[in-house]
Amino acid sequence: MDKKMILDDGLLEQFLLGELDADENLQIEQLLVSDAELKAHYSHLEQDFERLGLDNAITPPDFVKAQLLKKITDNIKQTKEVTLESNRNSNWFLGIAASIALLLFAGSAWMYNQLNSFKQKLEIVENEKLELDNKINTLNKQLNNELALLTTITHPDTEQYILKGNTLMPEGKVISYVNHETKSVIVNTERLPELDEAHDYQMWADVEGEMINMGVISKGSILAVMSYIEHAESLNITIEPLGGSDHPTVERLVTNVYLN
């Protein structure tokens, strides 16, 4: 399904009226998100349908007409049974007037219900489009983040350092990727043991004996982006209270590595 096919076969109109199957609806929704021209055409079509519903009278169903015509016939028969000529004429005209009023009321009510139903369908379509747009935006952000991480890791100037766990965490291991050209640091934390909810891992850069915060390592993510610190001599990871600390808890240093 492409744009030309949609426009030539009137599929937008069928989509707007809810006459397509689920697969066709999904394809058109995806094209509306990616094709600005098609989306603009769809918006004009929505406006045209709404104006059509407001500006043109909608013929009531046949069963409504049949019931109202029967009511008119019954009223006419009832007026013939009145003995006084003046009452007969008066009742006959009143019956006709009441029937016409009822016909107009029923037609207006049916048209109002149809218009409300049409607006509800349009609202459902708009909500589905909005939800789809949000999902696509989220996926695009995730994809961009992953591409940025991959670009940094595979960059020819990126240096790899392995932080092995000490006696406090002998099974621990962290792989860090440091690029001094792009000033970026990424760590792979897949081999870090899971902490309880009250503690976090925090990374520090040693610059001339001073530990500078590089950030708290996010729980649940394998690759984490840390702050790049100029002139760092080593990378260090400690266990800190939830949310991190202003200064490292040296006695809870679990791994470190010296940079070249």
Protein backbone atom coordinates (compact mmCIF):
# COMPACT_ATOMS: atom_id res chain seq x y z
CA MET A 1 0.00 0.00 0.00
CA ASP A 2 1.44 3.38 -1.03
CA LYS A 3 0.24 6.98 -1.14
CA LYS A 4 -0.94 6.82 -4.79
CA MET A 5 -2.98 3.70 -4.13
CA ILE A 6 -4.55 5.24 -1.02
CA LEU A 7 -5.58 8.41 -2.85
CA ASP A 8 -6.73 6.72 -6.09
CA ASP A 9 -8.83 4.03 -4.35
CA GLY A 10 -10.42 6.38 -1.81
CA LEU A 11 -8.94 4.44 1.10
CA LEU A 12 -8.59 7.60 3.23
CA GLU A 13 -12.36 8.10 3.10
CA GLN A 14 -12.94 4.44 4.07
CA PHE A 15 -10.36 4.76 6.86
CA LEU A 16 -12.12 7.88 8.17
CA LEU A 17 -15.48 6.07 8.21
CA GLY A 18 -14.05 2.94 9.89
CA GLU A 19 -14.73 0.65 6.92
CA LEU A 20 -11.23 -0.91 6.64
CA ASP A 21 -9.88 -3.98 8.40
CA ALA A 22 -7.25 -3.84 11.16
CA ASP A 23 -4.28 -4.49 8.85
CA GLU A 24 -5.32 -1.77 6.39
CA ASN A 25 -5.92 0.66 9.28
CA LEU A 26 -2.42 0.00 10.64
CA GLN A 27 -0.76 0.56 7.26
CA ILE A 28 -2.58 3.88 6.71
CA GLU A 29 -1.82 5.05 10.27
CA GLN A 30 1.89 4.40 9.69
CA LEU A 31 1.85 6.30 6.38
CA LEU A 32 0.01 9.23 7.99
CA VAL A 33 2.80 9.50 10.55
CA SER A 34 5.62 9.37 8.01
CA ASP A 35 4.06 11.31 5.09
CA ALA A 36 3.32 14.97 5.83
CA GLU A 37 1.50 15.51 2.52
CA LEU A 38 -0.82 12.54 3.11
CA LYS A 39 -1.46 13.69 6.67
CA ALA A 40 -2.40 17.18 5.42
CA HIS A 41 -4.78 15.63 2.88
CA TYR A 42 -6.36 13.56 5.65
CA SER A 43 -6.82 16.67 7.84
CA HIS A 44 -8.64 18.47 5.00
CA LEU A 45 -10.79 15.40 4.49
CA GLU A 46 -11.76 15.39 8.17
CA GLN A 47 -12.80 19.05 7.93
CA ASP A 48 -14.82 18.37 4.77
CA PHE A 49 -16.69 15.49 6.42
CA GLU A 50 -17.49 17.61 9.46
CA ARG A 51 -18.80 20.46 7.32
CA LEU A 52 -20.83 17.97 5.29
CA GLY A 53 -22.46 16.65 8.46
CA LEU A 54 -23.33 20.15 9.65
CA ASP A 55 -24.42 21.71 6.35
CA ASN A 56 -26.48 18.90 4.83
CA ALA A 57 -29.61 17.28 6.17
CA ILE A 58 -29.35 13.50 6.61
CA THR A 59 -32.34 11.48 5.42
CA PRO A 60 -33.80 9.44 8.32
CA PRO A 61 -34.02 5.65 7.92
CA ASP A 62 -37.07 4.19 6.17
CA PHE A 63 -38.47 2.71 9.38
CA VAL A 64 -38.66 6.20 10.93
CA LYS A 65 -40.56 7.52 7.93
CA ALA A 66 -42.90 4.51 7.93
CA GLN A 67 -43.77 4.93 11.60
CA LEU A 68 -44.39 8.64 11.22
CA LEU A 69 -46.56 8.18 8.11
CA LYS A 70 -48.61 5.60 10.02
CA LYS A 71 -49.02 8.11 12.82
CA ILE A 72 -50.24 10.71 10.32
CA THR A 73 -52.72 8.20 8.82
CA ASP A 74 -54.03 7.30 12.29
CA ASN A 75 -54.51 10.98 13.11
CA ILE A 76 -56.45 11.49 9.87
CA LYS A 77 -58.73 8.52 10.67
CA GLN A 78 -59.32 9.84 14.18
CA THR A 79 -60.34 13.28 12.84
CA LYS A 80 -63.00 11.64 10.59
CA GLU A 81 -64.74 10.17 13.63
CA VAL A 82 -65.45 13.61 15.13
CA THR A 83 -69.10 14.59 14.50
CA LEU A 84 -68.78 18.35 14.65
CA GLU A 85 -67.39 19.87 11.43
CA SER A 86 -65.39 22.55 13.22
CA ASN A 87 -63.78 20.06 15.62
CA ARG A 88 -63.03 17.71 12.71
CA ASN A 89 -61.17 20.38 10.75
CA SER A 90 -59.34 21.64 13.82
CA ASN A 91 -58.20 18.19 14.92
CA TRP A 92 -57.18 17.23 11.39
CA PHE A 93 -54.86 20.23 11.08
CA LEU A 94 -53.52 19.73 14.61
CA GLY A 95 -52.79 16.08 13.83
CA ILE A 96 -50.97 16.98 10.63
CA ALA A 97 -48.97 19.68 12.41
CA ALA A 98 -48.06 17.34 15.28
CA SER A 99 -46.99 14.63 12.84
CA ILE A 100 -44.83 17.02 10.85
CA ALA A 101 -43.25 18.30 14.05
CA LEU A 102 -42.59 14.74 15.18
CA LEU A 103 -41.04 13.91 11.79
CA LEU A 104 -38.74 16.91 11.99
CA PHE A 105 -37.79 16.12 15.59
CA ALA A 106 -37.05 12.46 14.81
CA GLY A 107 -34.98 13.40 11.76
CA SER A 108 -33.02 15.99 13.72
CA ALA A 109 -32.40 13.55 16.58
CA TRP A 110 -31.21 10.86 14.18
CA MET A 111 -28.89 13.31 12.41
CA TYR A 112 -27.53 14.52 15.78
CA ASN A 113 -26.80 10.94 16.87
CA GLN A 114 -25.09 10.17 13.56
CA LEU A 115 -22.94 13.29 13.85
CA ASN A 116 -21.96 12.43 17.43
CA SER A 117 -21.05 8.89 16.37
CA PHE A 118 -18.92 10.26 13.55
CA LYS A 119 -17.13 12.66 15.91
CA GLN A 120 -16.44 9.83 18.36
CA LYS A 121 -14.84 7.77 15.57
CA LEU A 122 -12.69 10.75 14.60
CA GLU A 123 -11.62 11.21 18.22
CA ILE A 124 -10.67 7.52 18.50
CA VAL A 125 -8.59 7.79 15.31
CA GLU A 126 -6.84 10.93 16.57
CA ASN A 127 -6.04 9.28 19.92
CA GLU A 128 -4.66 6.20 18.19
CA LYS A 129 -2.53 8.42 15.94
CA LEU A 130 -1.22 10.34 18.95
CA GLU A 131 -0.36 7.13 20.79
CA LEU A 132 1.41 5.79 17.71
CA ASP A 133 3.36 9.06 17.33
CA ASN A 134 4.49 8.85 20.96
CA LYS A 135 5.64 5.24 20.54
CA ILE A 136 7.57 6.13 17.39
CA ASN A 137 9.22 9.12 19.11
CA THR A 138 10.24 6.93 22.05
CA LEU A 139 11.69 4.28 19.75
CA ASN A 140 13.58 6.93 17.77
CA LYS A 141 15.11 8.33 20.96
CA GLN A 142 16.17 4.86 22.08
CA LEU A 143 17.65 4.14 18.67
CA ASN A 144 19.57 7.45 18.64
CA ASN A 145 20.96 6.76 22.12
CA GLU A 146 22.07 3.27 21.13
CA LEU A 147 23.70 4.57 17.95
CA ALA A 148 25.55 7.23 19.96
CA LEU A 149 26.84 4.58 22.38
CA LEU A 150 27.89 2.30 19.54
CA THR A 151 29.65 5.18 17.79
CA THR A 152 31.66 5.99 20.91
CA ILE A 153 32.59 2.35 21.60
CA THR A 154 33.72 1.68 18.02
CA HIS A 155 35.54 5.00 17.58
CA PRO A 156 39.20 4.41 16.61
CA ASP A 157 40.42 6.73 19.41
CA THR A 158 38.39 4.97 22.13
CA GLU A 159 40.51 3.18 24.75
CA GLN A 160 39.20 0.17 26.68
CA TYR A 161 39.95 -0.38 30.37
CA ILE A 162 38.82 -3.35 32.50
CA LEU A 163 38.01 -2.72 36.17
CA LYS A 164 38.28 -6.02 38.07
CA GLY A 165 36.61 -6.48 41.43
CA ASN A 166 38.70 -6.53 44.65
CA THR A 167 38.20 -8.64 47.78
CA LEU A 168 34.92 -6.82 48.52
CA MET A 169 33.55 -7.87 45.15
CA PRO A 170 35.76 -10.63 43.67
CA GLU A 171 33.18 -11.64 41.05
CA GLY A 172 32.71 -8.08 39.80
CA LYS A 173 33.98 -6.75 36.48
CA VAL A 174 33.39 -3.50 34.57
CA ILE A 175 34.54 -2.61 31.07
CA SER A 176 35.04 1.11 30.48
CA TYR A 177 35.42 2.93 27.15
CA VAL A 178 37.26 6.26 27.34
CA ASN A 179 37.66 8.66 24.42
CA HIS A 180 39.77 11.74 25.11
CA GLU A 181 38.99 13.19 21.67
CA THR A 182 35.21 13.17 22.01
CA LYS A 183 35.46 13.54 25.82
CA SER A 184 33.19 10.64 26.57
CA VAL A 185 33.13 7.70 28.99
CA ILE A 186 30.87 4.63 28.71
CA VAL A 187 30.89 1.64 31.06
CA ASN A 188 29.53 -1.87 30.60
CA THR A 189 28.08 -2.91 33.99
CA GLU A 190 26.71 -6.33 33.04
CA ARG A 191 29.11 -8.06 35.47
CA LEU A 192 28.41 -5.79 38.44
CA PRO A 193 26.57 -7.66 41.23
CA GLU A 194 23.10 -6.32 41.93
CA LEU A 195 22.78 -4.05 44.99
CA ASP A 196 19.86 -3.66 47.38
CA GLU A 197 17.42 -0.79 46.96
CA ALA A 198 19.22 1.36 49.55
CA HIS A 199 22.57 1.57 47.69
CA ASP A 200 24.03 2.57 44.33
CA TYR A 201 27.35 2.18 42.53
CA GLN A 202 29.12 5.50 41.95
CA MET A 203 32.10 6.20 39.71
CA TRP A 204 34.97 8.58 40.53
CA ALA A 205 37.98 9.98 38.66
CA ASP A 206 41.23 10.44 40.58
CA VAL A 207 42.84 13.77 39.55
CA GLU A 208 46.04 14.48 41.45
CA GLY A 209 44.76 12.69 44.53
CA GLU A 210 41.28 14.24 44.48
CA MET A 211 38.26 12.02 43.79
CA ILE A 212 35.85 13.76 41.39
CA ASN A 213 32.32 12.47 40.88
CA MET A 214 31.62 10.95 37.45
CA GLY A 215 28.04 10.02 38.27
CA VAL A 216 25.85 7.30 39.76
CA ILE A 217 25.63 4.13 37.66
CA SER A 218 22.02 3.57 36.65
CA LYS A 219 20.45 0.35 37.85
CA GLY A 220 19.05 -1.98 35.22
CA SER A 221 21.12 -0.64 32.30
CA ILE A 222 24.02 -2.56 30.81
CA LEU A 223 25.68 0.46 29.17
CA ALA A 224 25.91 3.69 31.19
CA VAL A 225 27.23 7.08 30.09
CA MET A 226 29.45 8.70 32.73
CA SER A 227 30.92 12.20 32.98
CA TYR A 228 34.29 12.73 31.34
CA ILE A 229 36.90 14.27 33.70
CA GLU A 230 40.00 15.96 32.32
CA HIS A 231 43.41 14.64 33.43
CA ALA A 232 41.94 11.60 35.25
CA GLU A 233 44.65 9.23 36.46
CA SER A 234 42.34 6.36 37.42
CA LEU A 235 38.71 5.26 37.40
CA ASN A 236 37.17 4.05 40.67
CA ILE A 237 33.81 2.58 41.68
CA THR A 238 32.42 2.63 45.22
CA ILE A 239 29.18 1.55 46.87
CA GLU A 240 27.26 4.57 48.15
CA PRO A 241 23.85 5.26 49.71
CA LEU A 242 20.97 5.50 47.23
CA GLY A 243 21.40 8.54 44.99
CA GLY A 244 25.17 8.84 45.50
CA SER A 245 27.46 10.84 47.79
CA ASP A 246 29.43 14.08 47.59
CA HIS A 247 32.59 12.25 48.63
CA PRO A 248 33.54 8.60 48.02
CA THR A 249 33.28 5.99 50.77
CA VAL A 250 36.85 4.73 50.42
CA GLU A 251 36.33 1.63 52.57
CA ARG A 252 33.64 0.53 50.07
CA LEU A 253 35.83 0.83 46.98
CA VAL A 254 35.05 -2.30 44.95
CA THR A 255 37.12 -1.82 41.79
CA ASN A 256 39.48 0.58 40.05
CA VAL A 257 41.87 0.88 37.10
CA TYR A 258 44.74 3.23 36.25
CA LEU A 259 44.62 5.04 32.92
CA ASN A 260 47.55 5.21 30.54
